[in-house]
Amino acid sequence: MKKLFKKLLALSLLSMVILSFTGCGAKPDAAVKGFLDTVKKQDFSAAAKYMSNENDKSEFEYDSKEQEQMIKAVFSKLDYEIISTSKNGNTATVKAKITSCDLPKISAKTIADLLPTMLASAFDEKKDEKKQEEMILQSFLNSINAPDAPKTVTEVDIKLVKDKNSWLIEGNDDLLNAMTGNFAKITDTLNK
């Protein structure tokens, strides 16, 4: 009888633990936290599992080693705060405040720092373009990783859809822009 009681007690405790974890995963804000935490840790394959659309999952694939270095540096500085959550049937919106490196300011600093060197080497017939690219990348990474690197805070509404027992994030430009420190502003400026 005593053994049966111990087994039942252990089973019921295990059931409560499992249910409490299941309950946490079934909330929209838990999905957003899980997504942002995995992005911050640069575990992009795990982060992709929180996305609703296969096309959104391709956002986490790298084109080059340099791109990988920059993305990992930016996302390692990511911070967030969940402000509110609202559910409406199978959809939800989580309002979050996302803090990231201010990439327009960092890019401007990188350009300003390197402009004299780049201009001086522009007329050099022996210039090494690969070396110049490495210098730009290193300067950019140094600026991102500097303790006084400029930050930007963006409030964003993160849209989610319910899929069976979990909530999945619908990726959009606002979320991507908030996470990348207004990177879209740089590309918009360059495309004008």
N, C-alpha and C. Protein backbone atom coordinates (compact mmCIF):
# COMPACT_ATOMS: atom_id res chain seq x y z
N MET A 1 0.83 -1.18 0.00
CA MET A 1 0.00 0.00 0.00
C MET A 1 0.88 1.26 0.00
N LYS A 2 1.94 1.23 0.81
CA LYS A 2 2.83 2.36 0.92
C LYS A 2 3.55 2.60 -0.42
N LYS A 3 3.94 1.52 -1.11
CA LYS A 3 4.60 1.64 -2.41
C LYS A 3 3.63 2.22 -3.44
N LEU A 4 2.40 1.76 -3.41
CA LEU A 4 1.39 2.26 -4.34
C LEU A 4 1.16 3.75 -4.11
N PHE A 5 1.10 4.18 -2.85
CA PHE A 5 0.90 5.58 -2.51
C PHE A 5 2.07 6.43 -3.03
N LYS A 6 3.30 5.95 -2.87
CA LYS A 6 4.48 6.67 -3.35
C LYS A 6 4.46 6.80 -4.87
N LYS A 7 4.07 5.71 -5.56
CA LYS A 7 3.99 5.75 -7.01
C LYS A 7 2.93 6.73 -7.48
N LEU A 8 1.78 6.71 -6.82
CA LEU A 8 0.72 7.65 -7.18
C LEU A 8 1.14 9.10 -6.92
N LEU A 9 1.81 9.33 -5.80
CA LEU A 9 2.27 10.66 -5.47
C LEU A 9 3.30 11.13 -6.52
N ALA A 10 4.23 10.27 -6.86
CA ALA A 10 5.23 10.61 -7.87
C ALA A 10 4.58 10.87 -9.22
N LEU A 11 3.62 10.03 -9.60
CA LEU A 11 2.92 10.20 -10.86
C LEU A 11 2.12 11.50 -10.89
N SER A 12 1.45 11.81 -9.79
CA SER A 12 0.67 13.05 -9.77
C SER A 12 1.57 14.28 -9.79
N LEU A 13 2.72 14.24 -9.11
CA LEU A 13 3.66 15.35 -9.16
C LEU A 13 4.21 15.53 -10.57
N LEU A 14 4.55 14.42 -11.21
CA LEU A 14 5.04 14.46 -12.58
C LEU A 14 3.97 15.04 -13.51
N SER A 15 2.74 14.64 -13.31
CA SER A 15 1.64 15.15 -14.14
C SER A 15 1.48 16.66 -13.96
N MET A 16 1.59 17.15 -12.72
CA MET A 16 1.46 18.59 -12.47
C MET A 16 2.60 19.36 -13.14
N VAL A 17 3.80 18.82 -13.07
CA VAL A 17 4.94 19.48 -13.70
C VAL A 17 4.74 19.54 -15.22
N ILE A 18 4.34 18.43 -15.81
CA ILE A 18 4.11 18.39 -17.25
C ILE A 18 3.01 19.35 -17.65
N LEU A 19 1.92 19.38 -16.90
CA LEU A 19 0.83 20.30 -17.21
C LEU A 19 1.24 21.76 -17.07
N SER A 20 2.06 22.05 -16.09
CA SER A 20 2.49 23.44 -15.92
C SER A 20 3.37 23.87 -17.09
N PHE A 21 4.23 22.97 -17.60
CA PHE A 21 5.04 23.32 -18.75
C PHE A 21 4.19 23.43 -20.01
N THR A 22 3.21 22.57 -20.16
CA THR A 22 2.32 22.62 -21.30
C THR A 22 1.54 23.91 -21.29
N GLY A 23 1.08 24.32 -20.14
CA GLY A 23 0.34 25.58 -20.04
C GLY A 23 1.18 26.76 -20.43
N CYS A 24 2.46 26.76 -20.09
CA CYS A 24 3.34 27.87 -20.44
C CYS A 24 3.54 27.95 -21.94
N GLY A 25 3.66 26.81 -22.61
CA GLY A 25 3.87 26.80 -24.05
C GLY A 25 2.64 27.17 -24.84
N ALA A 26 1.49 27.12 -24.22
CA ALA A 26 0.25 27.39 -24.93
C ALA A 26 -0.16 28.85 -24.85
N LYS A 27 0.70 29.72 -24.36
CA LYS A 27 0.37 31.14 -24.26
C LYS A 27 1.12 31.91 -25.33
N PRO A 28 0.47 32.92 -25.93
CA PRO A 28 1.15 33.70 -26.97
C PRO A 28 2.43 34.36 -26.47
N ASP A 29 2.41 34.94 -25.27
CA ASP A 29 3.62 35.61 -24.79
C ASP A 29 4.76 34.63 -24.55
N ALA A 30 4.43 33.38 -24.21
CA ALA A 30 5.47 32.36 -24.05
C ALA A 30 6.12 32.04 -25.39
N ALA A 31 5.34 32.04 -26.46
CA ALA A 31 5.90 31.80 -27.79
C ALA A 31 6.83 32.95 -28.19
N VAL A 32 6.42 34.18 -27.90
CA VAL A 32 7.26 35.34 -28.23
C VAL A 32 8.55 35.30 -27.42
N LYS A 33 8.43 35.00 -26.13
CA LYS A 33 9.63 34.90 -25.28
C LYS A 33 10.56 33.81 -25.80
N GLY A 34 10.00 32.65 -26.12
CA GLY A 34 10.81 31.55 -26.64
C GLY A 34 11.52 31.94 -27.93
N PHE A 35 10.79 32.60 -28.83
CA PHE A 35 11.37 33.04 -30.09
C PHE A 35 12.51 34.03 -29.87
N LEU A 36 12.24 35.09 -29.11
CA LEU A 36 13.25 36.13 -28.90
C LEU A 36 14.46 35.60 -28.11
N ASP A 37 14.22 34.71 -27.16
CA ASP A 37 15.33 34.12 -26.41
C ASP A 37 16.23 33.28 -27.31
N THR A 38 15.63 32.51 -28.22
CA THR A 38 16.44 31.68 -29.12
C THR A 38 17.18 32.54 -30.14
N VAL A 39 16.54 33.63 -30.58
CA VAL A 39 17.23 34.55 -31.50
C VAL A 39 18.42 35.19 -30.78
N LYS A 40 18.19 35.62 -29.56
CA LYS A 40 19.26 36.26 -28.79
C LYS A 40 20.45 35.30 -28.59
N LYS A 41 20.15 34.01 -28.45
CA LYS A 41 21.21 33.00 -28.28
C LYS A 41 21.76 32.53 -29.63
N GLN A 42 21.27 33.12 -30.70
CA GLN A 42 21.66 32.76 -32.07
C GLN A 42 21.35 31.31 -32.42
N ASP A 43 20.30 30.76 -31.84
CA ASP A 43 19.86 29.41 -32.17
C ASP A 43 18.71 29.55 -33.17
N PHE A 44 19.07 29.86 -34.41
CA PHE A 44 18.09 30.24 -35.40
C PHE A 44 17.23 29.07 -35.89
N SER A 45 17.75 27.86 -35.82
CA SER A 45 16.91 26.71 -36.20
C SER A 45 15.80 26.52 -35.17
N ALA A 46 16.10 26.75 -33.89
CA ALA A 46 15.06 26.68 -32.86
C ALA A 46 14.10 27.85 -33.00
N ALA A 47 14.61 29.02 -33.32
CA ALA A 47 13.76 30.20 -33.49
C ALA A 47 12.77 30.00 -34.64
N ALA A 48 13.22 29.34 -35.69
CA ALA A 48 12.37 29.11 -36.86
C ALA A 48 11.13 28.28 -36.52
N LYS A 49 11.23 27.45 -35.49
CA LYS A 49 10.09 26.62 -35.09
C LYS A 49 8.95 27.45 -34.51
N TYR A 50 9.23 28.69 -34.14
CA TYR A 50 8.19 29.57 -33.61
C TYR A 50 7.49 30.37 -34.71
N MET A 51 7.92 30.20 -35.96
CA MET A 51 7.37 30.97 -37.07
C MET A 51 6.24 30.20 -37.74
N SER A 52 5.24 30.94 -38.24
CA SER A 52 4.06 30.31 -38.83
C SER A 52 4.25 29.94 -40.29
N ASN A 53 5.10 30.64 -40.99
CA ASN A 53 5.20 30.50 -42.43
C ASN A 53 6.58 29.97 -42.80
N GLU A 54 6.61 29.03 -43.71
CA GLU A 54 7.90 28.48 -44.17
C GLU A 54 8.79 29.58 -44.74
N ASN A 55 8.19 30.56 -45.41
CA ASN A 55 8.98 31.66 -45.98
C ASN A 55 9.66 32.47 -44.89
N ASP A 56 9.01 32.63 -43.74
CA ASP A 56 9.61 33.36 -42.63
C ASP A 56 10.82 32.62 -42.08
N LYS A 57 10.82 31.32 -42.20
CA LYS A 57 11.91 30.52 -41.65
C LYS A 57 13.20 30.71 -42.45
N SER A 58 13.08 31.10 -43.72
CA SER A 58 14.28 31.31 -44.53
C SER A 58 15.04 32.56 -44.11
N GLU A 59 14.43 33.43 -43.32
CA GLU A 59 15.09 34.64 -42.84
C GLU A 59 16.35 34.29 -42.03
N PHE A 60 16.46 33.07 -41.55
CA PHE A 60 17.55 32.69 -40.66
C PHE A 60 18.65 31.92 -41.38
N GLU A 61 18.67 31.98 -42.69
CA GLU A 61 19.73 31.33 -43.44
C GLU A 61 20.73 32.40 -43.88
N TYR A 62 22.02 32.06 -43.84
CA TYR A 62 23.07 33.02 -44.16
C TYR A 62 23.51 32.90 -45.61
N ASP A 63 23.87 34.05 -46.18
CA ASP A 63 24.42 34.08 -47.53
C ASP A 63 25.94 33.92 -47.52
N SER A 64 26.57 34.32 -46.40
CA SER A 64 28.03 34.26 -46.32
C SER A 64 28.47 34.23 -44.86
N LYS A 65 29.74 33.93 -44.65
CA LYS A 65 30.31 33.93 -43.29
C LYS A 65 30.26 35.33 -42.69
N GLU A 66 30.51 36.34 -43.52
CA GLU A 66 30.50 37.72 -43.05
C GLU A 66 29.10 38.10 -42.56
N GLN A 67 28.09 37.73 -43.35
CA GLN A 67 26.71 38.00 -42.96
C GLN A 67 26.39 37.29 -41.64
N GLU A 68 26.84 36.06 -41.50
CA GLU A 68 26.60 35.30 -40.27
C GLU A 68 27.22 36.02 -39.06
N GLN A 69 28.46 36.50 -39.23
CA GLN A 69 29.12 37.21 -38.13
C GLN A 69 28.34 38.46 -37.72
N MET A 70 27.89 39.23 -38.71
CA MET A 70 27.17 40.46 -38.40
C MET A 70 25.83 40.18 -37.74
N ILE A 71 25.09 39.22 -38.28
CA ILE A 71 23.77 38.90 -37.72
C ILE A 71 23.90 38.39 -36.30
N LYS A 72 24.85 37.52 -36.06
CA LYS A 72 25.04 36.99 -34.71
C LYS A 72 25.45 38.10 -33.74
N ALA A 73 26.28 39.02 -34.18
CA ALA A 73 26.69 40.14 -33.32
C ALA A 73 25.49 41.01 -32.97
N VAL A 74 24.67 41.33 -33.96
CA VAL A 74 23.50 42.19 -33.72
C VAL A 74 22.51 41.49 -32.78
N PHE A 75 22.19 40.24 -33.07
CA PHE A 75 21.18 39.55 -32.26
C PHE A 75 21.67 39.23 -30.85
N SER A 76 22.98 39.13 -30.66
CA SER A 76 23.48 38.87 -29.30
C SER A 76 23.22 40.05 -28.38
N LYS A 77 23.01 41.22 -28.95
CA LYS A 77 22.75 42.44 -28.16
C LYS A 77 21.26 42.70 -27.97
N LEU A 78 20.42 41.85 -28.52
CA LEU A 78 18.97 42.01 -28.46
C LEU A 78 18.46 41.87 -27.03
N ASP A 79 17.52 42.72 -26.67
CA ASP A 79 16.83 42.62 -25.39
C ASP A 79 15.37 42.95 -25.64
N TYR A 80 14.50 42.51 -24.76
CA TYR A 80 13.08 42.76 -24.98
C TYR A 80 12.32 42.80 -23.66
N GLU A 81 11.12 43.36 -23.76
CA GLU A 81 10.20 43.38 -22.64
C GLU A 81 8.79 43.18 -23.21
N ILE A 82 8.06 42.22 -22.67
CA ILE A 82 6.67 42.01 -23.08
C ILE A 82 5.82 43.05 -22.36
N ILE A 83 5.05 43.81 -23.12
CA ILE A 83 4.22 44.86 -22.54
C ILE A 83 2.80 44.38 -22.30
N SER A 84 2.22 43.73 -23.31
CA SER A 84 0.85 43.25 -23.16
C SER A 84 0.57 42.13 -24.15
N THR A 85 -0.50 41.40 -23.88
CA THR A 85 -0.95 40.32 -24.74
C THR A 85 -2.46 40.39 -24.88
N SER A 86 -2.94 40.24 -26.11
CA SER A 86 -4.39 40.16 -26.31
C SER A 86 -4.68 38.99 -27.25
N LYS A 87 -5.68 38.21 -26.88
CA LYS A 87 -6.09 37.05 -27.68
C LYS A 87 -7.48 37.30 -28.24
N ASN A 88 -7.69 36.82 -29.46
CA ASN A 88 -9.00 36.88 -30.09
C ASN A 88 -9.18 35.59 -30.89
N GLY A 89 -9.71 34.57 -30.23
CA GLY A 89 -9.89 33.28 -30.88
C GLY A 89 -8.56 32.63 -31.19
N ASN A 90 -8.33 32.40 -32.49
CA ASN A 90 -7.09 31.74 -32.93
C ASN A 90 -6.00 32.72 -33.35
N THR A 91 -6.17 33.98 -32.97
CA THR A 91 -5.13 34.98 -33.24
C THR A 91 -4.80 35.70 -31.95
N ALA A 92 -3.61 36.25 -31.91
CA ALA A 92 -3.18 37.00 -30.73
C ALA A 92 -2.20 38.07 -31.17
N THR A 93 -2.07 39.08 -30.33
CA THR A 93 -1.09 40.14 -30.54
C THR A 93 -0.34 40.35 -29.24
N VAL A 94 0.97 40.29 -29.33
CA VAL A 94 1.82 40.56 -28.19
C VAL A 94 2.57 41.86 -28.48
N LYS A 95 2.37 42.85 -27.63
CA LYS A 95 3.10 44.11 -27.77
C LYS A 95 4.39 43.95 -26.98
N ALA A 96 5.50 44.21 -27.66
CA ALA A 96 6.81 44.07 -27.03
C ALA A 96 7.65 45.30 -27.30
N LYS A 97 8.53 45.59 -26.36
CA LYS A 97 9.52 46.65 -26.51
C LYS A 97 10.84 45.95 -26.77
N ILE A 98 11.39 46.15 -27.96
CA ILE A 98 12.62 45.47 -28.36
C ILE A 98 13.76 46.48 -28.41
N THR A 99 14.85 46.14 -27.73
CA THR A 99 16.05 46.97 -27.72
C THR A 99 17.11 46.25 -28.54
N SER A 100 17.69 46.98 -29.49
CA SER A 100 18.72 46.41 -30.35
C SER A 100 19.76 47.48 -30.67
N CYS A 101 20.85 47.05 -31.27
CA CYS A 101 21.86 48.00 -31.73
C CYS A 101 21.23 48.94 -32.75
N ASP A 102 21.58 50.20 -32.70
CA ASP A 102 21.07 51.19 -33.65
C ASP A 102 21.96 51.13 -34.90
N LEU A 103 21.57 50.30 -35.85
CA LEU A 103 22.43 50.06 -37.01
C LEU A 103 22.63 51.28 -37.91
N PRO A 104 21.65 52.16 -38.08
CA PRO A 104 21.96 53.37 -38.86
C PRO A 104 23.08 54.21 -38.22
N LYS A 105 23.05 54.38 -36.90
CA LYS A 105 24.11 55.14 -36.23
C LYS A 105 25.45 54.40 -36.30
N ILE A 106 25.42 53.09 -36.12
CA ILE A 106 26.65 52.30 -36.18
C ILE A 106 27.23 52.33 -37.59
N SER A 107 26.38 52.25 -38.60
CA SER A 107 26.85 52.32 -39.99
C SER A 107 27.46 53.68 -40.29
N ALA A 108 26.82 54.74 -39.82
CA ALA A 108 27.35 56.09 -40.04
C ALA A 108 28.72 56.24 -39.38
N LYS A 109 28.86 55.69 -38.17
CA LYS A 109 30.15 55.76 -37.47
C LYS A 109 31.22 54.97 -38.23
N THR A 110 30.85 53.79 -38.71
CA THR A 110 31.80 52.96 -39.45
C THR A 110 32.26 53.68 -40.71
N ILE A 111 31.32 54.29 -41.42
CA ILE A 111 31.67 55.03 -42.64
C ILE A 111 32.59 56.21 -42.31
N ALA A 112 32.21 56.95 -41.27
CA ALA A 112 33.02 58.12 -40.88
C ALA A 112 34.44 57.69 -40.46
N ASP A 113 34.53 56.59 -39.73
CA ASP A 113 35.85 56.11 -39.28
C ASP A 113 36.72 55.64 -40.44
N LEU A 114 36.11 55.01 -41.42
CA LEU A 114 36.88 54.39 -42.50
C LEU A 114 37.03 55.26 -43.74
N LEU A 115 36.26 56.33 -43.84
CA LEU A 115 36.29 57.15 -45.06
C LEU A 115 37.68 57.64 -45.42
N PRO A 116 38.44 58.20 -44.49
CA PRO A 116 39.79 58.66 -44.88
C PRO A 116 40.67 57.53 -45.43
N THR A 117 40.61 56.39 -44.80
CA THR A 117 41.43 55.24 -45.25
C THR A 117 40.96 54.76 -46.61
N MET A 118 39.65 54.70 -46.80
CA MET A 118 39.11 54.22 -48.07
C MET A 118 39.43 55.20 -49.21
N LEU A 119 39.33 56.49 -48.92
CA LEU A 119 39.65 57.48 -49.95
C LEU A 119 41.13 57.42 -50.32
N ALA A 120 41.97 57.25 -49.34
CA ALA A 120 43.41 57.17 -49.60
C ALA A 120 43.76 55.97 -50.46
N SER A 121 43.06 54.87 -50.24
CA SER A 121 43.37 53.66 -51.00
C SER A 121 42.62 53.58 -52.33
N ALA A 122 41.69 54.50 -52.56
CA ALA A 122 40.89 54.46 -53.78
C ALA A 122 41.75 54.61 -55.03
N PHE A 123 42.83 55.37 -54.93
CA PHE A 123 43.68 55.61 -56.09
C PHE A 123 44.92 54.71 -56.12
N ASP A 124 44.97 53.77 -55.19
CA ASP A 124 46.09 52.85 -55.11
C ASP A 124 45.84 51.67 -56.05
N GLU A 125 46.72 51.49 -57.00
CA GLU A 125 46.55 50.39 -57.96
C GLU A 125 46.74 49.03 -57.31
N LYS A 126 47.43 48.99 -56.18
CA LYS A 126 47.71 47.72 -55.51
C LYS A 126 46.69 47.41 -54.42
N LYS A 127 45.58 48.12 -54.40
CA LYS A 127 44.61 47.92 -53.31
C LYS A 127 44.06 46.49 -53.35
N ASP A 128 43.83 45.97 -52.20
CA ASP A 128 43.32 44.62 -52.02
C ASP A 128 41.86 44.73 -51.56
N GLU A 129 40.93 44.46 -52.47
CA GLU A 129 39.51 44.62 -52.15
C GLU A 129 39.07 43.68 -51.03
N LYS A 130 39.62 42.49 -51.01
CA LYS A 130 39.28 41.54 -49.95
C LYS A 130 39.70 42.09 -48.58
N LYS A 131 40.88 42.68 -48.54
CA LYS A 131 41.39 43.27 -47.30
C LYS A 131 40.51 44.44 -46.87
N GLN A 132 40.06 45.24 -47.83
CA GLN A 132 39.17 46.36 -47.52
C GLN A 132 37.84 45.86 -46.94
N GLU A 133 37.28 44.82 -47.54
CA GLU A 133 36.03 44.25 -47.05
C GLU A 133 36.20 43.73 -45.62
N GLU A 134 37.33 43.08 -45.35
CA GLU A 134 37.60 42.58 -44.00
C GLU A 134 37.73 43.73 -43.01
N MET A 135 38.35 44.83 -43.44
CA MET A 135 38.51 45.99 -42.58
C MET A 135 37.14 46.62 -42.26
N ILE A 136 36.27 46.70 -43.24
CA ILE A 136 34.93 47.26 -43.03
C ILE A 136 34.15 46.36 -42.08
N LEU A 137 34.19 45.06 -42.31
CA LEU A 137 33.48 44.13 -41.44
C LEU A 137 34.00 44.22 -40.01
N GLN A 138 35.30 44.24 -39.84
CA GLN A 138 35.86 44.31 -38.49
C GLN A 138 35.49 45.60 -37.78
N SER A 139 35.51 46.70 -38.51
CA SER A 139 35.13 47.99 -37.92
C SER A 139 33.66 47.97 -37.50
N PHE A 140 32.83 47.40 -38.34
CA PHE A 140 31.39 47.29 -38.05
C PHE A 140 31.17 46.42 -36.80
N LEU A 141 31.85 45.28 -36.74
CA LEU A 141 31.72 44.38 -35.59
C LEU A 141 32.24 45.05 -34.32
N ASN A 142 33.35 45.78 -34.42
CA ASN A 142 33.88 46.50 -33.26
C ASN A 142 32.88 47.52 -32.74
N SER A 143 32.20 48.22 -33.66
CA SER A 143 31.21 49.22 -33.26
C SER A 143 30.00 48.56 -32.59
N ILE A 144 29.57 47.43 -33.11
CA ILE A 144 28.42 46.71 -32.52
C ILE A 144 28.78 46.21 -31.12
N ASN A 145 29.99 45.68 -30.98
CA ASN A 145 30.39 45.07 -29.71
C ASN A 145 30.95 46.06 -28.70
N ALA A 146 31.06 47.31 -29.07
CA ALA A 146 31.56 48.31 -28.13
C ALA A 146 30.59 48.46 -26.95
N PRO A 147 31.11 48.63 -25.74
CA PRO A 147 30.22 48.78 -24.57
C PRO A 147 29.28 49.98 -24.69
N ASP A 148 29.69 51.01 -25.42
CA ASP A 148 28.86 52.20 -25.56
C ASP A 148 28.14 52.25 -26.92
N ALA A 149 27.97 51.09 -27.55
CA ALA A 149 27.29 51.04 -28.85
C ALA A 149 25.89 51.64 -28.73
N PRO A 150 25.51 52.47 -29.68
CA PRO A 150 24.17 53.07 -29.60
C PRO A 150 23.08 52.01 -29.73
N LYS A 151 22.02 52.20 -28.98
CA LYS A 151 20.88 51.27 -28.99
C LYS A 151 19.63 52.01 -29.44
N THR A 152 18.68 51.26 -29.91
CA THR A 152 17.38 51.81 -30.25
C THR A 152 16.30 50.92 -29.63
N VAL A 153 15.22 51.55 -29.20
CA VAL A 153 14.11 50.82 -28.59
C VAL A 153 12.89 51.01 -29.49
N THR A 154 12.28 49.90 -29.86
CA THR A 154 11.13 49.93 -30.76
C THR A 154 9.99 49.12 -30.15
N GLU A 155 8.82 49.72 -30.08
CA GLU A 155 7.63 48.96 -29.68
C GLU A 155 7.03 48.34 -30.94
N VAL A 156 6.73 47.07 -30.84
CA VAL A 156 6.21 46.37 -32.01
C VAL A 156 5.07 45.45 -31.58
N ASP A 157 4.06 45.36 -32.45
CA ASP A 157 2.95 44.42 -32.25
C ASP A 157 3.31 43.14 -32.99
N ILE A 158 3.46 42.06 -32.24
CA ILE A 158 3.83 40.77 -32.82
C ILE A 158 2.55 39.95 -32.96
N LYS A 159 2.22 39.63 -34.20
CA LYS A 159 1.00 38.88 -34.51
C LYS A 159 1.29 37.38 -34.44
N LEU A 160 0.35 36.64 -33.83
CA LEU A 160 0.49 35.19 -33.72
C LEU A 160 -0.79 34.52 -34.17
N VAL A 161 -0.66 33.27 -34.62
CA VAL A 161 -1.81 32.43 -34.97
C VAL A 161 -1.69 31.13 -34.20
N LYS A 162 -2.84 30.59 -33.82
CA LYS A 162 -2.86 29.33 -33.08
C LYS A 162 -2.76 28.18 -34.07
N ASP A 163 -1.86 27.25 -33.78
CA ASP A 163 -1.67 26.06 -34.59
C ASP A 163 -1.72 24.87 -33.66
N LYS A 164 -2.82 24.15 -33.67
CA LYS A 164 -3.05 23.04 -32.75
C LYS A 164 -2.93 23.54 -31.31
N ASN A 165 -1.88 23.14 -30.59
CA ASN A 165 -1.73 23.54 -29.19
C ASN A 165 -0.67 24.61 -28.97
N SER A 166 -0.17 25.20 -30.03
CA SER A 166 0.88 26.19 -29.85
C SER A 166 0.57 27.46 -30.64
N TRP A 167 1.27 28.53 -30.29
CA TRP A 167 1.13 29.81 -30.96
C TRP A 167 2.36 30.02 -31.84
N LEU A 168 2.12 30.45 -33.08
CA LEU A 168 3.21 30.70 -34.03
C LEU A 168 3.20 32.16 -34.45
N ILE A 169 4.38 32.71 -34.59
CA ILE A 169 4.55 34.12 -34.93
C ILE A 169 4.44 34.31 -36.44
N GLU A 170 3.67 35.32 -36.82
CA GLU A 170 3.60 35.72 -38.23
C GLU A 170 4.65 36.80 -38.44
N GLY A 171 5.72 36.44 -39.11
CA GLY A 171 6.80 37.39 -39.32
C GLY A 171 6.34 38.55 -40.19
N ASN A 172 6.89 39.73 -39.92
CA ASN A 172 6.60 40.90 -40.74
C ASN A 172 7.79 41.85 -40.67
N ASP A 173 7.73 42.86 -41.53
CA ASP A 173 8.85 43.81 -41.61
C ASP A 173 9.06 44.59 -40.32
N ASP A 174 7.97 44.92 -39.62
CA ASP A 174 8.10 45.68 -38.37
C ASP A 174 8.89 44.89 -37.33
N LEU A 175 8.59 43.61 -37.19
CA LEU A 175 9.31 42.76 -36.23
C LEU A 175 10.77 42.63 -36.64
N LEU A 176 11.01 42.34 -37.90
CA LEU A 176 12.39 42.19 -38.38
C LEU A 176 13.18 43.49 -38.20
N ASN A 177 12.54 44.61 -38.50
CA ASN A 177 13.20 45.90 -38.35
C ASN A 177 13.53 46.18 -36.88
N ALA A 178 12.61 45.87 -35.97
CA ALA A 178 12.86 46.09 -34.54
C ALA A 178 14.01 45.22 -34.05
N MET A 179 14.06 43.98 -34.51
CA MET A 179 15.10 43.06 -34.06
C MET A 179 16.47 43.41 -34.64
N THR A 180 16.48 44.04 -35.82
CA THR A 180 17.75 44.35 -36.48
C THR A 180 18.15 45.81 -36.28
N GLY A 181 17.57 46.48 -35.31
CA GLY A 181 17.99 47.84 -35.00
C GLY A 181 17.78 48.82 -36.13
N ASN A 182 16.61 48.75 -36.77
CA ASN A 182 16.24 49.66 -37.86
C ASN A 182 17.09 49.48 -39.11
N PHE A 183 17.48 48.26 -39.38
CA PHE A 183 18.28 47.97 -40.57
C PHE A 183 17.56 48.40 -41.84
N ALA A 184 16.23 48.32 -41.83
CA ALA A 184 15.45 48.70 -43.02
C ALA A 184 15.69 50.17 -43.37
N LYS A 185 15.96 51.02 -42.38
CA LYS A 185 16.23 52.44 -42.66
C LYS A 185 17.50 52.58 -43.51
N ILE A 186 18.49 51.74 -43.23
CA ILE A 186 19.73 51.79 -44.01
C ILE A 186 19.45 51.38 -45.44
N THR A 187 18.76 50.26 -45.63
CA THR A 187 18.50 49.77 -46.99
C THR A 187 17.58 50.72 -47.74
N ASP A 188 16.61 51.32 -47.06
CA ASP A 188 15.74 52.31 -47.71
C ASP A 188 16.55 53.50 -48.20
N THR A 189 17.47 53.98 -47.37
CA THR A 189 18.32 55.11 -47.72
C THR A 189 19.21 54.77 -48.91
N LEU A 190 19.78 53.57 -48.92
CA LEU A 190 20.67 53.17 -50.00
C LEU A 190 19.92 52.95 -51.30
N ASN A 191 18.64 52.56 -51.23
CA ASN A 191 17.86 52.28 -52.43
C ASN A 191 17.25 53.54 -53.06
N LYS A 192 17.39 54.70 -52.39
CA LYS A 192 16.82 55.94 -52.94
C LYS A 192 17.70 56.52 -54.01
